[in-house]
Amino acid sequence: MIQGKKILAVIPARSGSKGLPGKNIKMLAGKELIAWTILAASKSHYIDNIFVSTDSEQIAKISEKWGLKVPFLRPKELAYDHSSLGEAINHSLETFKSENKYYDYVMWLQPTSPLRRSRDIDEAILKLEQSSHFADCLVSMYKAPEKTAWILNKDNDGKINFPLIDDCSNIRRQNNPTFYFPNGAVYISKVSTFTGTFYTDKTIGHEMPSEVSVDIDTQEEFELAEKYLTNTTISEEKHIKPQADLAKTFLQP
């Protein structure tokens, strides 16, 4: 809870995955992939309830092994490739609502971001709460390489242009605009304004370090995350400030 507002974190983990079969429970540096997200969310100071939204009994049992009860499964019709995140989130919210459990914020924490820390989660929550007078949603992101501004495209005749730069007559690295990529680690929305997407005209960004912004869709990305986890000690005690210090940083008048 933050400022009297309750937060539901939803971890989506359907059984089907075409790009990397079984990835949500694939072993990564000694733990199932989903376990890294469960542990990070469990150490948050502000999350009131963590729910694994899954259609799989096996994933539910693994989640329970890591300390989370899965009181209900996601219906199969909401667990296809074409199923939207909005449908899965609304199903979770409505089911809890039927049990008289209401939330002010809903988070979407994908298991494919195992390098995300509890600090990243809490800082994102604090940032949206601080900005809640003008913002409804938040998405995490990381800074794109400087040369991203130099991306080219071409038309059917092979003529090229710079779609991200208005004036390419005198391109200098120092004058390049800064771009960001969404990293898939943290999404948050006010429940009262949630429309099925986190990308709205009232969405703000929360920057995270590029080194913890791996979003696993391929075997190569899986191996990159494993290399990082194997060679780096992610100490939550080292990374996260006391709750009061974080609140002082973000919730200034």
Protein backbone atom coordinates (compact mmCIF):
# COMPACT_ATOMS: atom_id res chain seq x y z
CA MET A 1 0.00 0.00 0.00
CA ILE A 2 1.15 3.52 -0.76
CA GLN A 3 -0.57 6.67 0.49
CA GLY A 4 -3.53 4.53 1.48
CA LYS A 5 -3.83 3.00 -2.00
CA LYS A 6 -3.75 -0.76 -2.54
CA ILE A 7 -1.69 -2.40 -5.28
CA LEU A 8 -2.26 -5.68 -7.12
CA ALA A 9 0.72 -7.12 -9.00
CA VAL A 10 -0.21 -9.55 -11.78
CA ILE A 11 2.48 -11.92 -13.07
CA PRO A 12 1.32 -13.35 -16.42
CA ALA A 13 2.50 -16.90 -17.09
CA ARG A 14 0.45 -18.79 -19.63
CA SER A 15 1.55 -22.29 -20.57
CA GLY A 16 2.03 -21.71 -24.31
CA SER A 17 5.13 -20.07 -25.75
CA LYS A 18 6.10 -20.52 -29.37
CA GLY A 19 9.34 -18.54 -29.35
CA LEU A 20 10.89 -20.36 -26.39
CA PRO A 21 8.70 -23.31 -25.35
CA GLY A 22 8.12 -23.63 -21.61
CA LYS A 23 10.14 -20.50 -20.92
CA ASN A 24 8.22 -19.41 -17.81
CA ILE A 25 9.40 -22.48 -15.91
CA LYS A 26 12.70 -23.00 -17.71
CA MET A 27 15.57 -23.15 -15.20
CA LEU A 28 17.61 -19.94 -15.13
CA ALA A 29 20.67 -19.74 -12.85
CA GLY A 30 19.21 -22.34 -10.50
CA LYS A 31 15.61 -21.07 -10.37
CA GLU A 32 12.61 -21.29 -12.64
CA LEU A 33 12.34 -18.15 -14.77
CA ILE A 34 9.11 -17.08 -13.06
CA ALA A 35 10.74 -17.37 -9.62
CA TRP A 36 12.93 -14.31 -10.24
CA THR A 37 9.86 -12.11 -10.71
CA ILE A 38 8.01 -13.66 -7.77
CA LEU A 39 10.98 -12.98 -5.48
CA ALA A 40 11.42 -9.38 -6.67
CA ALA A 41 7.72 -8.62 -6.22
CA SER A 42 7.65 -10.30 -2.81
CA LYS A 43 10.34 -7.92 -1.55
CA SER A 44 8.45 -4.80 -2.62
CA HIS A 45 7.47 -2.46 0.22
CA TYR A 46 4.24 -1.41 -1.48
CA ILE A 47 2.58 -4.36 -3.25
CA ASP A 48 -0.44 -5.68 -1.33
CA ASN A 49 -1.17 -8.80 -3.36
CA ILE A 50 0.78 -10.76 -5.98
CA PHE A 51 -1.21 -12.93 -8.34
CA VAL A 52 0.19 -15.32 -10.93
CA SER A 53 -2.25 -15.29 -13.83
CA THR A 54 -1.83 -18.69 -15.44
CA ASP A 55 -3.84 -21.39 -17.17
CA SER A 56 -1.34 -24.06 -16.04
CA GLU A 57 -1.60 -26.23 -12.92
CA GLN A 58 2.14 -26.87 -13.17
CA ILE A 59 2.99 -23.15 -13.15
CA ALA A 60 0.56 -22.66 -10.25
CA LYS A 61 2.37 -25.37 -8.23
CA ILE A 62 5.78 -23.84 -8.98
CA SER A 63 4.46 -20.44 -7.91
CA GLU A 64 3.25 -21.94 -4.65
CA LYS A 65 6.70 -23.45 -4.12
CA TRP A 66 8.04 -19.89 -4.15
CA GLY A 67 5.49 -18.66 -1.64
CA LEU A 68 2.48 -17.60 -3.73
CA LYS A 69 -0.94 -19.17 -3.57
CA VAL A 70 -2.78 -19.24 -6.89
CA PRO A 71 -6.47 -19.17 -5.87
CA PHE A 72 -7.83 -19.46 -9.41
CA LEU A 73 -6.58 -20.19 -12.93
CA ARG A 74 -6.92 -17.98 -15.98
CA PRO A 75 -9.58 -19.35 -18.36
CA LYS A 76 -8.14 -21.10 -21.40
CA GLU A 77 -9.88 -18.65 -23.74
CA LEU A 78 -7.77 -15.85 -22.22
CA ALA A 79 -4.47 -17.73 -22.61
CA TYR A 80 -3.99 -17.88 -26.37
CA ASP A 81 -1.34 -16.07 -28.40
CA HIS A 82 -3.91 -13.54 -29.53
CA SER A 83 -5.37 -12.95 -26.04
CA SER A 84 -4.80 -9.41 -24.81
CA LEU A 85 -3.16 -8.37 -21.57
CA GLY A 86 -6.19 -6.20 -20.88
CA GLU A 87 -8.45 -9.27 -20.83
CA ALA A 88 -6.14 -11.09 -18.43
CA ILE A 89 -5.87 -8.09 -16.10
CA ASN A 90 -9.60 -7.41 -16.12
CA HIS A 91 -10.28 -11.07 -15.39
CA SER A 92 -7.99 -10.88 -12.35
CA LEU A 93 -9.49 -7.61 -11.10
CA GLU A 94 -13.09 -8.76 -11.58
CA THR A 95 -12.47 -12.09 -9.85
CA PHE A 96 -10.92 -10.39 -6.83
CA LYS A 97 -13.73 -7.82 -6.89
CA SER A 98 -16.25 -10.66 -6.59
CA GLU A 99 -14.44 -11.56 -3.35
CA ASN A 100 -14.68 -7.93 -2.14
CA LYS A 101 -11.01 -7.27 -2.78
CA TYR A 102 -10.44 -3.90 -4.45
CA TYR A 103 -7.27 -2.25 -5.71
CA ASP A 104 -6.25 1.27 -6.71
CA TYR A 105 -3.24 0.32 -8.86
CA VAL A 106 -2.59 -2.76 -10.97
CA MET A 107 0.92 -3.82 -12.04
CA TRP A 108 1.94 -6.16 -14.86
CA LEU A 109 5.25 -7.90 -14.07
CA GLN A 110 6.35 -10.19 -16.89
CA PRO A 111 8.47 -13.24 -15.94
CA THR A 112 10.60 -12.53 -19.02
CA SER A 113 12.33 -9.70 -17.12
CA PRO A 114 14.26 -11.70 -14.50
CA LEU A 115 16.87 -8.99 -13.86
CA ARG A 116 14.28 -6.53 -12.57
CA ARG A 117 14.90 -5.73 -8.89
CA SER A 118 12.44 -4.94 -6.11
CA ARG A 119 14.02 -1.49 -6.09
CA ASP A 120 12.92 -0.99 -9.71
CA ILE A 121 9.36 -1.97 -8.77
CA ASP A 122 9.19 0.35 -5.76
CA GLU A 123 10.73 3.30 -7.54
CA ALA A 124 8.21 2.90 -10.36
CA ILE A 125 5.29 2.80 -7.90
CA LEU A 126 6.56 5.89 -6.14
CA LYS A 127 7.08 7.75 -9.39
CA LEU A 128 3.53 7.12 -10.61
CA GLU A 129 2.06 8.04 -7.23
CA GLN A 130 4.09 11.25 -7.23
CA SER A 131 2.75 12.01 -10.72
CA SER A 132 -0.80 10.79 -10.15
CA HIS A 133 -2.27 14.28 -10.51
CA PHE A 134 -1.52 14.18 -14.25
CA ALA A 135 -0.50 10.58 -15.08
CA ASP A 136 -2.55 7.36 -15.07
CA CYS A 137 0.01 4.80 -16.26
CA LEU A 138 3.74 4.08 -16.16
CA VAL A 139 5.98 1.89 -18.30
CA SER A 140 9.62 1.06 -17.63
CA MET A 141 12.23 1.76 -20.29
CA TYR A 142 15.94 2.08 -20.92
CA LYS A 143 18.01 4.56 -22.88
CA ALA A 144 18.59 3.59 -26.50
CA PRO A 145 22.10 3.77 -27.98
CA GLU A 146 23.03 7.22 -29.28
CA LYS A 147 23.09 6.03 -32.88
CA THR A 148 19.42 5.03 -32.68
CA ALA A 149 18.64 8.50 -34.03
CA TRP A 150 20.49 7.53 -37.22
CA ILE A 151 18.11 4.71 -38.11
CA LEU A 152 17.33 4.64 -41.81
CA ASN A 153 14.39 3.39 -43.78
CA LYS A 154 13.84 3.27 -47.50
CA ASP A 155 10.92 3.54 -49.90
CA ASN A 156 10.03 1.21 -52.78
CA ASP A 157 12.55 2.96 -55.04
CA GLY A 158 15.36 2.42 -52.54
CA LYS A 159 15.55 6.09 -51.50
CA ILE A 160 16.56 6.46 -47.86
CA ASN A 161 15.55 8.87 -45.14
CA PHE A 162 15.96 9.41 -41.41
CA PRO A 163 12.49 8.83 -39.90
CA LEU A 164 13.50 9.89 -36.38
CA ILE A 165 15.27 13.15 -37.25
CA ASP A 166 13.53 16.17 -38.74
CA ASP A 167 16.72 17.83 -39.96
CA CYS A 168 19.43 15.43 -41.15
CA SER A 169 21.45 18.05 -43.01
CA ASN A 170 24.00 18.36 -40.23
CA ILE A 171 23.87 15.28 -38.01
CA ARG A 172 26.21 15.51 -35.03
CA ARG A 173 26.30 12.99 -32.23
CA GLN A 174 26.16 15.73 -29.61
CA ASN A 175 22.89 17.04 -31.06
CA ASN A 176 21.11 13.70 -31.30
CA PRO A 177 17.80 13.49 -29.43
CA THR A 178 17.54 10.86 -26.70
CA PHE A 179 15.35 7.83 -27.40
CA TYR A 180 14.19 5.03 -25.13
CA PHE A 181 13.05 1.43 -25.61
CA PRO A 182 10.36 -0.16 -23.39
CA ASN A 183 12.02 -3.01 -21.50
CA GLY A 184 8.94 -4.99 -20.46
CA ALA A 185 9.90 -5.02 -16.77
CA VAL A 186 7.25 -2.86 -15.06
CA TYR A 187 3.84 -1.65 -16.17
CA ILE A 188 1.43 0.13 -13.79
CA SER A 189 -1.99 1.69 -14.18
CA LYS A 190 -4.64 3.23 -12.00
CA VAL A 191 -7.44 0.69 -11.88
CA SER A 192 -10.08 3.42 -12.23
CA THR A 193 -8.76 4.50 -15.63
CA PHE A 194 -7.42 1.21 -17.02
CA THR A 195 -8.53 0.78 -20.63
CA GLY A 196 -6.75 -2.48 -21.52
CA THR A 197 -3.42 -0.85 -22.37
CA PHE A 198 -0.64 0.88 -20.49
CA TYR A 199 0.18 3.14 -23.43
CA THR A 200 -2.11 6.15 -23.22
CA ASP A 201 -1.77 9.92 -23.50
CA LYS A 202 -1.30 9.94 -19.72
CA THR A 203 1.55 7.42 -19.55
CA ILE A 204 4.91 8.36 -18.05
CA GLY A 205 8.20 6.50 -18.41
CA HIS A 206 10.49 5.13 -15.71
CA GLU A 207 14.10 4.67 -16.76
CA MET A 208 15.97 1.56 -15.68
CA PRO A 209 19.61 0.62 -16.30
CA SER A 210 20.19 -1.07 -19.65
CA GLU A 211 22.09 -3.94 -18.02
CA VAL A 212 18.95 -5.12 -16.16
CA SER A 213 16.61 -4.51 -19.10
CA VAL A 214 16.84 -7.93 -20.75
CA ASP A 215 13.40 -9.07 -21.98
CA ILE A 216 13.60 -12.77 -22.83
CA ASP A 217 11.98 -13.88 -26.07
CA THR A 218 14.79 -15.99 -27.54
CA GLN A 219 17.35 -18.56 -26.42
CA GLU A 220 20.10 -15.98 -26.95
CA GLU A 221 18.39 -13.53 -24.58
CA PHE A 222 17.87 -16.35 -22.09
CA GLU A 223 21.59 -17.12 -22.14
CA LEU A 224 22.43 -13.43 -21.77
CA ALA A 225 20.28 -13.19 -18.64
CA GLU A 226 21.80 -16.37 -17.23
CA LYS A 227 25.30 -15.05 -17.81
CA TYR A 228 24.42 -11.86 -15.94
CA LEU A 229 22.83 -13.71 -13.02
CA THR A 230 25.67 -16.19 -12.82
CA ASN A 231 28.34 -13.50 -12.71
CA THR A 232 26.50 -10.87 -10.68
CA THR A 233 25.20 -11.02 -7.15
CA ILE A 234 21.87 -9.22 -7.14
CA SER A 235 21.66 -8.18 -3.51
CA GLU A 236 18.35 -6.52 -2.67
CA GLU A 237 19.85 -5.27 0.58
CA LYS A 238 22.51 -3.46 -1.44
CA HIS A 239 20.18 -2.08 -4.10
CA ILE A 240 17.14 -0.98 -2.16
CA LYS A 241 16.99 2.01 0.15
CA PRO A 242 14.88 1.95 3.30
CA GLN A 243 11.24 2.68 2.53
CA ALA A 244 11.32 6.09 4.20
CA ASP A 245 14.30 7.19 2.12
CA LEU A 246 12.63 6.16 -1.12
CA ALA A 247 9.42 7.96 -0.20
CA LYS A 248 11.39 11.08 0.73
CA THR A 249 13.07 10.98 -2.69
CA PHE A 250 9.91 10.58 -4.77
CA LEU A 251 6.99 11.88 -2.74
CA GLN A 252 8.15 15.42 -2.23
CA PRO A 253 5.50 18.16 -2.04
